Amino acid sequence: MAITNRQDGSLYINVENKIATVEFGHPAGNSFPGVLLGRLTEAINTLSHNPDVSIIVLKSEGEGAFCAGASFNELLAVSNLDDGAVFFSGFANVINAMRNCSKLIVGRIQGKAVGGGVGLAAACDYALATEGSAVKLSEFTIGIGPFVIAPAVERKMGKAALSELTLAAHEWKNAYWAQEKGLYAKVFETIKELDAELDLFTSKLASYNPEALTAMKQVLWEGTENWDVLLADRAKISGRLVLSDFSRQALAKLKP
């Protein structure tokens, strides 16, 4: 499937056989402008209460990057603390929606994930990937840090892996490294093989007792009850740092 050319991106939802597929897309590497993050948050919150849905599949358009993170153009436009907090709250709201969702969420990670894209993968309850699904947290290179997504990454991969990803901000980690650290459950050579396993796995999962699935979801996320406040506070940290002279100079060098 081709990537959408809509500047605000696209979001499609399809429900079939108790499986809701949520597909997002954006011409800039499936990155997320604020409006698209808002739509994804709303979609997950709505599906959480849909009695016809047992499982949610999160995927992106095309065969390239899974997600390039937040919108670079919107990042450049941040000019004050309030704007910064709002900008970085976008992924915080999505991660909290995924955390609070009553349905288990399976991620289809068909390509590279950067920054917030790694956070999305980490917030999935189960993720399948391809060999091309390398990950990178490059935030240090522009004077900020992965503060908002760090709790999700640490929960899934551990503090050592979070540290390695964050400090080696210039390095890509391959999909098998990410699998070894717990981000991905399985890694496949091709997207075709990934999709075959995704169909099989989600069909089996959707056939189980919905009450048991919901109860397990709650168990998996025990100990994260403070994230509504925590992620909002982390967004403020990033919002402050992005206004620093270091970040302004680093972003200016990257500006197209």
Protein backbone atom coordinates (compact mmCIF):
# COMPACT_ATOMS: atom_id res chain seq x y z
CA MET A 1 0.00 0.00 0.00
CA ALA A 2 1.24 3.47 -0.89
CA ILE A 3 1.85 6.08 1.78
CA THR A 4 -0.79 8.78 2.04
CA ASN A 5 0.05 12.24 0.69
CA ARG A 6 -2.09 14.05 3.26
CA GLN A 7 0.00 16.53 5.23
CA ASP A 8 -1.94 15.77 8.42
CA GLY A 9 -1.56 12.06 7.78
CA SER A 10 -4.23 9.37 7.68
CA LEU A 11 -5.83 6.96 10.11
CA TYR A 12 -8.03 4.03 9.14
CA ILE A 13 -9.87 1.59 11.38
CA ASN A 14 -11.26 -1.76 10.29
CA VAL A 15 -13.07 -4.22 12.57
CA GLU A 16 -13.42 -7.82 11.48
CA ASN A 17 -13.77 -11.06 13.46
CA LYS A 18 -13.24 -9.22 16.78
CA ILE A 19 -9.94 -7.76 15.53
CA ALA A 20 -9.67 -3.99 15.09
CA THR A 21 -6.87 -2.92 12.75
CA VAL A 22 -5.70 0.66 13.26
CA GLU A 23 -3.50 1.86 10.40
CA PHE A 24 -1.75 5.23 10.41
CA GLY A 25 0.24 6.90 7.69
CA HIS A 26 2.13 10.07 6.84
CA PRO A 27 4.25 11.01 3.81
CA ALA A 28 7.24 11.86 6.04
CA GLY A 29 8.21 8.33 7.08
CA ASN A 30 4.91 7.68 8.89
CA SER A 31 5.76 10.42 11.37
CA PHE A 32 3.12 12.01 13.59
CA PRO A 33 1.87 15.58 13.50
CA GLY A 34 -0.09 16.53 16.60
CA VAL A 35 -3.48 16.16 14.96
CA LEU A 36 -2.71 12.57 13.94
CA LEU A 37 -1.52 11.71 17.46
CA GLY A 38 -4.83 13.09 18.72
CA ARG A 39 -6.78 10.95 16.28
CA LEU A 40 -4.86 7.83 17.28
CA THR A 41 -5.45 8.54 20.97
CA GLU A 42 -9.19 8.96 20.32
CA ALA A 43 -9.35 5.79 18.22
CA ILE A 44 -7.72 3.66 20.90
CA ASN A 45 -9.95 5.12 23.62
CA THR A 46 -13.06 4.41 21.52
CA LEU A 47 -12.03 0.84 20.66
CA SER A 48 -11.36 0.18 24.34
CA HIS A 49 -15.13 0.37 24.92
CA ASN A 50 -16.23 -1.48 21.76
CA PRO A 51 -17.82 -4.83 22.74
CA ASP A 52 -17.24 -6.15 19.20
CA VAL A 53 -13.47 -5.84 19.56
CA SER A 54 -11.21 -8.24 21.47
CA ILE A 55 -7.81 -7.38 19.96
CA ILE A 56 -6.29 -4.28 18.40
CA VAL A 57 -3.60 -4.42 15.70
CA LEU A 58 -1.49 -1.27 15.32
CA LYS A 59 0.25 -0.87 11.98
CA SER A 60 1.50 1.78 9.57
CA GLU A 61 1.18 2.25 5.83
CA GLY A 62 3.60 1.03 3.20
CA GLU A 63 6.70 -1.12 3.39
CA GLY A 64 9.17 1.53 4.53
CA ALA A 65 9.55 2.99 8.02
CA PHE A 66 7.15 1.92 10.74
CA CYS A 67 7.31 5.34 12.37
CA ALA A 68 9.77 8.22 12.22
CA GLY A 69 8.48 9.73 15.46
CA ALA A 70 6.98 13.18 15.94
CA SER A 71 6.61 15.78 13.21
CA PHE A 72 9.91 17.56 12.60
CA ASN A 73 8.18 20.65 11.21
CA GLU A 74 6.05 20.98 14.32
CA LEU A 75 9.11 20.51 16.51
CA LEU A 76 10.79 23.41 14.70
CA ALA A 77 7.71 25.57 15.34
CA VAL A 78 7.80 25.19 19.16
CA SER A 79 8.44 28.69 20.52
CA ASN A 80 7.44 28.68 24.20
CA LEU A 81 7.09 26.35 27.19
CA ASP A 82 3.36 25.82 26.76
CA ASP A 83 3.73 24.88 23.09
CA GLY A 84 6.58 22.54 24.02
CA ALA A 85 4.56 20.75 26.68
CA VAL A 86 1.63 20.35 24.27
CA PHE A 87 3.87 19.06 21.48
CA PHE A 88 5.56 16.41 23.63
CA SER A 89 2.27 15.44 25.25
CA GLY A 90 1.14 13.98 21.93
CA PHE A 91 2.98 10.69 22.36
CA ALA A 92 2.31 10.76 26.11
CA ASN A 93 -1.42 10.74 25.40
CA VAL A 94 -1.13 7.87 22.91
CA ILE A 95 1.00 5.75 25.27
CA ASN A 96 -1.43 6.35 28.13
CA ALA A 97 -4.36 5.44 25.87
CA MET A 98 -2.59 2.19 24.95
CA ARG A 99 -1.83 1.53 28.62
CA ASN A 100 -5.42 2.16 29.74
CA CYS A 101 -7.03 0.37 26.80
CA SER A 102 -9.02 -2.69 27.88
CA LYS A 103 -7.92 -4.56 24.74
CA LEU A 104 -4.56 -6.18 24.12
CA ILE A 105 -2.64 -4.36 21.39
CA VAL A 106 -0.47 -6.21 18.88
CA GLY A 107 2.09 -4.17 16.95
CA ARG A 108 2.99 -4.87 13.32
CA ILE A 109 6.46 -3.32 13.02
CA GLN A 110 7.38 -3.71 9.35
CA GLY A 111 10.26 -1.20 9.24
CA LYS A 112 12.49 1.17 11.16
CA ALA A 113 11.27 2.97 14.28
CA VAL A 114 12.78 6.19 15.60
CA GLY A 115 12.03 8.12 18.79
CA GLY A 116 8.30 8.09 19.39
CA GLY A 117 8.01 5.16 17.00
CA VAL A 118 10.06 3.08 19.44
CA GLY A 119 7.71 4.25 22.18
CA LEU A 120 4.70 3.04 20.21
CA ALA A 121 6.28 -0.38 19.67
CA ALA A 122 7.14 -0.59 23.37
CA ALA A 123 3.58 0.32 24.41
CA CYS A 124 2.17 -2.58 22.40
CA ASP A 125 1.45 -5.68 24.46
CA TYR A 126 3.02 -7.91 21.80
CA ALA A 127 5.00 -6.88 18.74
CA LEU A 128 5.99 -8.72 15.57
CA ALA A 129 8.70 -7.29 13.32
CA THR A 130 10.84 -7.83 10.25
CA GLU A 131 14.61 -7.90 9.90
CA GLY A 132 14.36 -4.32 8.68
CA SER A 133 12.78 -3.09 11.91
CA ALA A 134 15.84 -1.42 13.41
CA VAL A 135 15.39 1.07 16.24
CA LYS A 136 17.08 4.31 17.29
CA LEU A 137 16.55 6.94 19.98
CA SER A 138 18.28 9.97 18.44
CA GLU A 139 16.92 12.64 20.79
CA PHE A 140 20.30 13.52 22.35
CA THR A 141 21.54 14.63 18.93
CA ILE A 142 19.07 17.53 18.96
CA GLY A 143 19.53 18.50 22.57
CA ILE A 144 16.56 16.72 24.15
CA GLY A 145 15.98 13.18 25.41
CA PRO A 146 13.39 10.39 25.07
CA PHE A 147 11.82 11.40 28.38
CA VAL A 148 8.16 10.80 27.45
CA ILE A 149 8.66 7.36 25.94
CA ALA A 150 11.37 6.23 28.38
CA PRO A 151 8.92 4.62 30.86
CA ALA A 152 7.37 2.51 28.09
CA VAL A 153 10.76 1.49 26.71
CA GLU A 154 12.12 0.67 30.17
CA ARG A 155 9.02 -1.35 31.08
CA LYS A 156 9.43 -3.52 27.98
CA MET A 157 13.21 -3.67 27.54
CA GLY A 158 14.75 -2.79 30.92
CA LYS A 159 16.83 0.16 32.08
CA ALA A 160 20.07 -1.17 30.57
CA ALA A 161 18.57 -1.29 27.08
CA LEU A 162 16.98 2.13 27.56
CA SER A 163 20.37 3.49 28.57
CA GLU A 164 22.13 1.88 25.61
CA LEU A 165 19.58 3.22 23.12
CA THR A 166 19.54 6.70 24.63
CA LEU A 167 23.28 7.24 25.10
CA ALA A 168 24.25 5.75 21.72
CA ALA A 169 21.92 8.23 20.06
CA HIS A 170 23.73 8.00 16.72
CA GLU A 171 23.46 4.20 16.44
CA TRP A 172 20.81 1.98 14.92
CA LYS A 173 20.12 -1.23 16.84
CA ASN A 174 18.97 -4.08 14.61
CA ALA A 175 15.74 -6.00 14.97
CA TYR A 176 17.39 -9.04 16.52
CA TRP A 177 18.95 -6.88 19.23
CA ALA A 178 15.49 -5.43 19.90
CA GLN A 179 14.05 -8.96 20.06
CA GLU A 180 16.75 -10.07 22.48
CA LYS A 181 15.92 -7.11 24.74
CA GLY A 182 12.19 -7.88 24.68
CA LEU A 183 10.81 -5.21 22.36
CA TYR A 184 9.82 -7.70 19.67
CA ALA A 185 8.36 -11.14 20.31
CA LYS A 186 9.34 -12.48 16.88
CA VAL A 187 11.33 -11.23 13.89
CA PHE A 188 10.70 -12.39 10.31
CA GLU A 189 12.76 -12.15 7.12
CA THR A 190 9.92 -10.69 5.05
CA ILE A 191 6.76 -8.65 5.48
CA LYS A 192 4.82 -11.52 3.89
CA GLU A 193 5.98 -13.88 6.65
CA LEU A 194 5.24 -11.24 9.26
CA ASP A 195 1.67 -10.81 8.02
CA ALA A 196 1.05 -14.55 7.88
CA GLU A 197 2.06 -14.90 11.53
CA LEU A 198 0.11 -11.77 12.48
CA ASP A 199 -3.09 -13.21 11.00
CA LEU A 200 -2.59 -16.57 12.71
CA PHE A 201 -1.63 -15.10 16.07
CA THR A 202 -4.40 -12.50 16.28
CA SER A 203 -7.04 -15.00 15.15
CA LYS A 204 -6.06 -17.33 17.97
CA LEU A 205 -5.92 -14.47 20.48
CA ALA A 206 -9.35 -13.18 19.44
CA SER A 207 -10.86 -16.63 20.04
CA TYR A 208 -10.02 -16.56 23.75
CA ASN A 209 -12.28 -15.40 26.58
CA PRO A 210 -12.54 -11.57 26.29
CA GLU A 211 -12.75 -11.24 30.08
CA ALA A 212 -9.53 -13.19 30.48
CA LEU A 213 -7.80 -11.01 27.88
CA THR A 214 -8.88 -7.83 29.65
CA ALA A 215 -7.80 -9.15 33.03
CA MET A 216 -4.39 -10.08 31.60
CA LYS A 217 -4.03 -6.63 30.10
CA GLN A 218 -4.47 -5.15 33.56
CA VAL A 219 -1.89 -7.52 35.01
CA LEU A 220 0.66 -6.65 32.32
CA TRP A 221 0.40 -2.94 33.15
CA GLU A 222 0.43 -3.18 36.95
CA GLY A 223 2.61 -0.53 38.55
CA THR A 224 2.06 2.11 35.85
CA GLU A 225 -0.89 3.85 37.48
CA ASN A 226 1.11 7.07 37.91
CA TRP A 227 1.86 7.49 34.21
CA ASP A 228 -0.82 10.11 33.58
CA VAL A 229 1.16 12.48 35.80
CA LEU A 230 4.62 11.06 35.03
CA LEU A 231 4.40 11.38 31.24
CA ALA A 232 2.92 14.88 31.48
CA ASP A 233 5.86 15.92 33.68
CA ARG A 234 8.29 14.33 31.23
CA ALA A 235 6.68 16.28 28.35
CA LYS A 236 7.42 19.50 30.23
CA ILE A 237 11.11 18.52 30.52
CA SER A 238 11.38 18.00 26.76
CA GLY A 239 9.37 21.16 26.12
CA ARG A 240 11.89 23.16 28.14
CA LEU A 241 14.96 21.56 26.59
CA VAL A 242 13.82 22.07 23.01
CA LEU A 243 13.89 25.82 23.63
CA SER A 244 17.55 25.71 24.73
CA ASP A 245 20.27 27.31 22.62
CA PHE A 246 21.77 23.88 22.02
CA SER A 247 18.53 22.49 20.58
CA ARG A 248 17.81 25.59 18.50
CA GLN A 249 21.27 25.39 16.92
CA ALA A 250 21.05 21.63 16.36
CA LEU A 251 17.60 21.90 14.78
CA ALA A 252 18.70 24.79 12.56
CA LYS A 253 21.41 22.56 11.06
CA LEU A 254 18.82 19.89 10.24
CA LYS A 255 16.21 22.26 8.84
CA PRO A 256 15.53 21.51 5.16
